Amino acid sequence: MKDSSKNTNRLFSEVEGITIEQFFIFQEIEKVKEWIAYDELTLSEIAWKLGYSSVAHLSAQFKKVTGLTASHVKKHAANNRKSLDNI
């Protein structure tokens, strides 16, 4: 890695308190939560779209970041969504 990249990574970590890699993982998990809430894609499709090697890898990453399983989030998201007719 070039020195400028190392400096950028270090500065990012100092300012944000997390690594750039962690930041991108957190962003991906937020996207997963959004897609789960909309219930238009399967977990397999989400894993494929985000470039995960398997659903198991995505599921493990999701649980590590959120502390919850994707199926738990999906179940509760479905209960909390309101149809457009009810808004």
C-alpha atoms as a PDB file:
ATOM      1  CA  MET A   1       0.000   0.000   0.000  1.00  0.00           C
ATOM      2  CA  LYS A   2       1.281   3.450  -0.819  1.00  0.00           C
ATOM      3  CA  ASP A   3       2.121   5.830   1.998  1.00  0.00           C
ATOM      4  CA  SER A   4      -0.663   8.216   0.955  1.00  0.00           C
ATOM      5  CA  SER A   5      -3.193   5.378   1.147  1.00  0.00           C
ATOM      6  CA  LYS A   6      -1.944   4.403   4.583  1.00  0.00           C
ATOM      7  CA  ASN A   7      -2.223   8.020   5.725  1.00  0.00           C
ATOM      8  CA  THR A   8      -5.734   8.291   4.314  1.00  0.00           C
ATOM      9  CA  ASN A   9      -6.791   5.057   6.019  1.00  0.00           C
ATOM     10  CA  ARG A  10      -5.265   6.156   9.320  1.00  0.00           C
ATOM     11  CA  LEU A  11      -6.894   9.590   9.126  1.00  0.00           C
ATOM     12  CA  PHE A  12     -10.271   8.041   8.314  1.00  0.00           C
ATOM     13  CA  SER A  13      -9.949   5.685  11.285  1.00  0.00           C
ATOM     14  CA  GLU A  14      -8.958   8.510  13.615  1.00  0.00           C
ATOM     15  CA  VAL A  15     -11.881  10.693  12.553  1.00  0.00           C
ATOM     16  CA  GLU A  16     -14.585   8.023  12.266  1.00  0.00           C
ATOM     17  CA  GLY A  17     -13.389   5.581  14.908  1.00  0.00           C
ATOM     18  CA  ILE A  18     -13.665   2.640  12.486  1.00  0.00           C
ATOM     19  CA  THR A  19     -11.679   1.372   9.531  1.00  0.00           C
ATOM     20  CA  ILE A  20     -12.687   2.078   5.950  1.00  0.00           C
ATOM     21  CA  GLU A  21     -13.439  -1.619   5.537  1.00  0.00           C
ATOM     22  CA  GLN A  22     -15.802  -1.545   8.544  1.00  0.00           C
ATOM     23  CA  PHE A  23     -17.474   1.574   7.143  1.00  0.00           C
ATOM     24  CA  PHE A  24     -18.222  -0.176   3.844  1.00  0.00           C
ATOM     25  CA  ILE A  25     -19.473  -3.289   5.625  1.00  0.00           C
ATOM     26  CA  PHE A  26     -21.822  -1.150   7.753  1.00  0.00           C
ATOM     27  CA  GLN A  27     -23.088   0.561   4.583  1.00  0.00           C
ATOM     28  CA  GLU A  28     -23.726  -2.808   2.931  1.00  0.00           C
ATOM     29  CA  ILE A  29     -25.616  -4.071   5.968  1.00  0.00           C
ATOM     30  CA  GLU A  30     -27.806  -0.950   5.917  1.00  0.00           C
ATOM     31  CA  LYS A  31     -28.599  -1.724   2.280  1.00  0.00           C
ATOM     32  CA  VAL A  32     -29.409  -5.332   3.234  1.00  0.00           C
ATOM     33  CA  LYS A  33     -31.802  -4.100   5.953  1.00  0.00           C
ATOM     34  CA  GLU A  34     -33.508  -1.839   3.432  1.00  0.00           C
ATOM     35  CA  TRP A  35     -33.876  -4.627   0.860  1.00  0.00           C
ATOM     36  CA  ILE A  36     -35.169  -6.987   3.542  1.00  0.00           C
ATOM     37  CA  ALA A  37     -37.769  -4.410   4.602  1.00  0.00           C
ATOM     38  CA  TYR A  38     -39.014  -4.024   1.019  1.00  0.00           C
ATOM     39  CA  ASP A  39     -39.239  -7.832   0.714  1.00  0.00           C
ATOM     40  CA  GLU A  40     -38.584  -7.790  -3.031  1.00  0.00           C
ATOM     41  CA  LEU A  41     -35.371  -9.837  -3.046  1.00  0.00           C
ATOM     42  CA  THR A  42     -34.407 -13.125  -1.457  1.00  0.00           C
ATOM     43  CA  LEU A  43     -31.343 -13.272   0.761  1.00  0.00           C
ATOM     44  CA  SER A  44     -29.631 -15.226  -2.027  1.00  0.00           C
ATOM     45  CA  GLU A  45     -30.313 -12.415  -4.480  1.00  0.00           C
ATOM     46  CA  ILE A  46     -29.087  -9.809  -1.998  1.00  0.00           C
ATOM     47  CA  ALA A  47     -25.877 -11.780  -1.368  1.00  0.00           C
ATOM     48  CA  TRP A  48     -25.284 -12.059  -5.121  1.00  0.00           C
ATOM     49  CA  LYS A  49     -25.962  -8.340  -5.742  1.00  0.00           C
ATOM     50  CA  LEU A  50     -23.472  -7.331  -3.038  1.00  0.00           C
ATOM     51  CA  GLY A  51     -20.810  -9.797  -4.170  1.00  0.00           C
ATOM     52  CA  TYR A  52     -20.834 -12.084  -1.144  1.00  0.00           C
ATOM     53  CA  SER A  53     -19.469 -15.569  -1.758  1.00  0.00           C
ATOM     54  CA  SER A  54     -22.523 -17.175  -0.163  1.00  0.00           C
ATOM     55  CA  VAL A  55     -25.706 -16.490   1.768  1.00  0.00           C
ATOM     56  CA  ALA A  56     -23.989 -17.984   4.812  1.00  0.00           C
ATOM     57  CA  HIS A  57     -21.225 -15.373   4.588  1.00  0.00           C
ATOM     58  CA  LEU A  58     -23.736 -12.534   4.271  1.00  0.00           C
ATOM     59  CA  SER A  59     -25.830 -13.940   7.126  1.00  0.00           C
ATOM     60  CA  ALA A  60     -22.783 -14.224   9.382  1.00  0.00           C
ATOM     61  CA  GLN A  61     -21.713 -10.658   8.538  1.00  0.00           C
ATOM     62  CA  PHE A  62     -25.258  -9.399   9.131  1.00  0.00           C
ATOM     63  CA  LYS A  63     -25.454 -11.055  12.556  1.00  0.00           C
ATOM     64  CA  LYS A  64     -21.979  -9.835  13.495  1.00  0.00           C
ATOM     65  CA  VAL A  65     -22.896  -6.216  12.689  1.00  0.00           C
ATOM     66  CA  THR A  66     -26.506  -6.091  13.883  1.00  0.00           C
ATOM     67  CA  GLY A  67     -26.607  -8.808  16.533  1.00  0.00           C
ATOM     68  CA  LEU A  68     -29.724 -10.161  14.833  1.00  0.00           C
ATOM     69  CA  THR A  69     -30.427 -12.678  12.113  1.00  0.00           C
ATOM     70  CA  ALA A  70     -31.684 -11.472   8.772  1.00  0.00           C
ATOM     71  CA  SER A  71     -34.831 -13.581   9.186  1.00  0.00           C
ATOM     72  CA  HIS A  72     -35.550 -11.892  12.536  1.00  0.00           C
ATOM     73  CA  VAL A  73     -35.227  -8.460  10.931  1.00  0.00           C
ATOM     74  CA  LYS A  74     -37.375  -9.553   7.978  1.00  0.00           C
ATOM     75  CA  LYS A  75     -40.122 -10.810  10.295  1.00  0.00           C
ATOM     76  CA  HIS A  76     -40.217  -7.584  12.303  1.00  0.00           C
ATOM     77  CA  ALA A  77     -39.915  -5.346   9.246  1.00  0.00           C
ATOM     78  CA  ALA A  78     -42.965  -7.018   7.736  1.00  0.00           C
ATOM     79  CA  ASN A  79     -44.936  -6.374  10.929  1.00  0.00           C
ATOM     80  CA  ASN A  80     -43.950  -2.697  11.021  1.00  0.00           C
ATOM     81  CA  ARG A  81     -44.581  -1.773   7.381  1.00  0.00           C
ATOM     82  CA  LYS A  82     -47.775   0.023   6.519  1.00  0.00           C
ATOM     83  CA  SER A  83     -49.394  -0.331   3.143  1.00  0.00           C
ATOM     84  CA  LEU A  84     -49.898   2.832   1.131  1.00  0.00           C
ATOM     85  CA  ASP A  85     -53.642   2.489   1.673  1.00  0.00           C
ATOM     86  CA  ASN A  86     -53.110   2.923   5.417  1.00  0.00           C
ATOM     87  CA  ILE A  87     -50.981   6.044   5.282  1.00  0.00           C
END
